[in-house]
Amino acid sequence: MKADTHPANHPVLFIDGEHEWTGVSTNKSDEVRNIDGVDHFVLRLEISGFTHPFYTGTKKIVDSAGRVEKFMRRYGNQQKKD
């Protein structure tokens, strides 16, 4: 790889509510926490896989059959008037 083409990665501590995990990121913050002798920048997140259903893989069940039945009750019995 060419030198000086990629941004520098820094050790970070991601915090999402009560969940904390370490990783690397190009982002920095003013808050630093020492973990096992290594200074990690603290990045607070609003959404992650711990809190958002899209990222966790859980699906919301949509009652599509109920919607179709409701539509048919409301509009299915109408007949064309010529």
Protein backbone atom coordinates (compact mmCIF):
# COMPACT_ATOMS: atom_id res chain seq x y z
CA MET A 1 0.00 0.00 0.00
CA LYS A 2 1.07 3.56 -0.57
CA ALA A 3 2.18 5.46 2.50
CA ASP A 4 0.12 8.43 3.72
CA THR A 5 -3.00 7.60 1.68
CA HIS A 6 -5.14 6.19 4.48
CA PRO A 7 -6.34 8.17 7.51
CA ALA A 8 -4.90 7.33 10.90
CA ASN A 9 -6.89 4.92 13.07
CA HIS A 10 -7.12 5.48 16.80
CA PRO A 11 -8.24 3.17 19.61
CA VAL A 12 -11.72 4.20 20.74
CA LEU A 13 -14.26 3.19 23.34
CA PHE A 14 -17.80 3.26 21.92
CA ILE A 15 -20.55 3.93 24.47
CA ASP A 16 -24.24 3.45 23.68
CA GLY A 17 -26.27 3.85 26.84
CA GLU A 18 -25.16 1.03 29.12
CA HIS A 19 -23.17 -0.84 26.45
CA GLU A 20 -19.44 -0.24 25.97
CA TRP A 21 -17.01 -1.83 23.51
CA THR A 22 -13.59 -1.03 22.14
CA GLY A 23 -12.54 -0.68 18.54
CA VAL A 24 -10.68 1.56 16.14
CA SER A 25 -11.90 4.64 14.34
CA THR A 26 -10.63 7.70 12.51
CA ASN A 27 -12.71 9.86 14.89
CA LYS A 28 -11.31 11.40 18.05
CA SER A 29 -12.88 13.06 21.06
CA ASP A 30 -11.77 15.25 23.95
CA GLU A 31 -12.64 12.55 26.48
CA VAL A 32 -10.03 9.81 26.96
CA ARG A 33 -10.23 6.65 29.07
CA ASN A 34 -7.30 4.38 29.86
CA ILE A 35 -8.08 0.69 29.29
CA ASP A 36 -5.35 -1.89 29.98
CA GLY A 37 -2.65 0.79 29.70
CA VAL A 38 -3.88 2.13 26.35
CA ASP A 39 -5.60 5.52 26.03
CA HIS A 40 -8.90 5.21 24.14
CA PHE A 41 -10.91 8.13 22.83
CA VAL A 42 -14.51 7.91 24.12
CA LEU A 43 -17.21 8.15 21.43
CA ARG A 44 -20.81 8.27 22.62
CA LEU A 45 -23.35 6.89 20.16
CA GLU A 46 -27.09 7.42 19.91
CA ILE A 47 -27.79 4.33 17.80
CA SER A 48 -25.97 1.02 17.55
CA GLY A 49 -26.74 -2.65 17.16
CA PHE A 50 -27.57 -2.84 20.87
CA THR A 51 -30.41 -0.32 20.72
CA HIS A 52 -31.76 -0.13 17.15
CA PRO A 53 -33.85 -3.01 15.75
CA PHE A 54 -32.59 -2.51 12.18
CA TYR A 55 -29.03 -3.21 13.26
CA THR A 56 -29.91 -6.03 15.65
CA GLY A 57 -31.64 -8.08 12.95
CA THR A 58 -34.98 -8.27 14.76
CA LYS A 59 -37.89 -7.79 12.41
CA LYS A 60 -41.20 -6.13 13.04
CA ILE A 61 -44.13 -8.29 11.95
CA VAL A 62 -46.55 -6.36 9.79
CA ASP A 63 -50.13 -7.54 9.67
CA SER A 64 -50.46 -7.42 5.89
CA ALA A 65 -53.34 -9.93 5.82
CA GLY A 66 -55.31 -7.69 8.16
CA ARG A 67 -54.70 -4.72 5.90
CA VAL A 68 -55.93 -6.58 2.82
CA GLU A 69 -59.05 -7.77 4.64
CA LYS A 70 -59.75 -4.24 5.85
CA PHE A 71 -59.37 -2.93 2.30
CA MET A 72 -61.71 -5.62 0.91
CA ARG A 73 -64.33 -4.87 3.55
CA ARG A 74 -64.17 -1.19 2.79
CA TYR A 75 -63.85 -1.20 -1.00
CA GLY A 76 -64.27 -4.79 -2.24
CA ASN A 77 -68.06 -4.82 -2.31
CA GLN A 78 -68.41 -1.78 -4.52
CA GLN A 79 -69.65 -2.53 -8.02
CA LYS A 80 -69.24 -0.49 -11.15
CA LYS A 81 -72.34 1.44 -12.04
CA ASP A 82 -72.84 1.80 -15.80
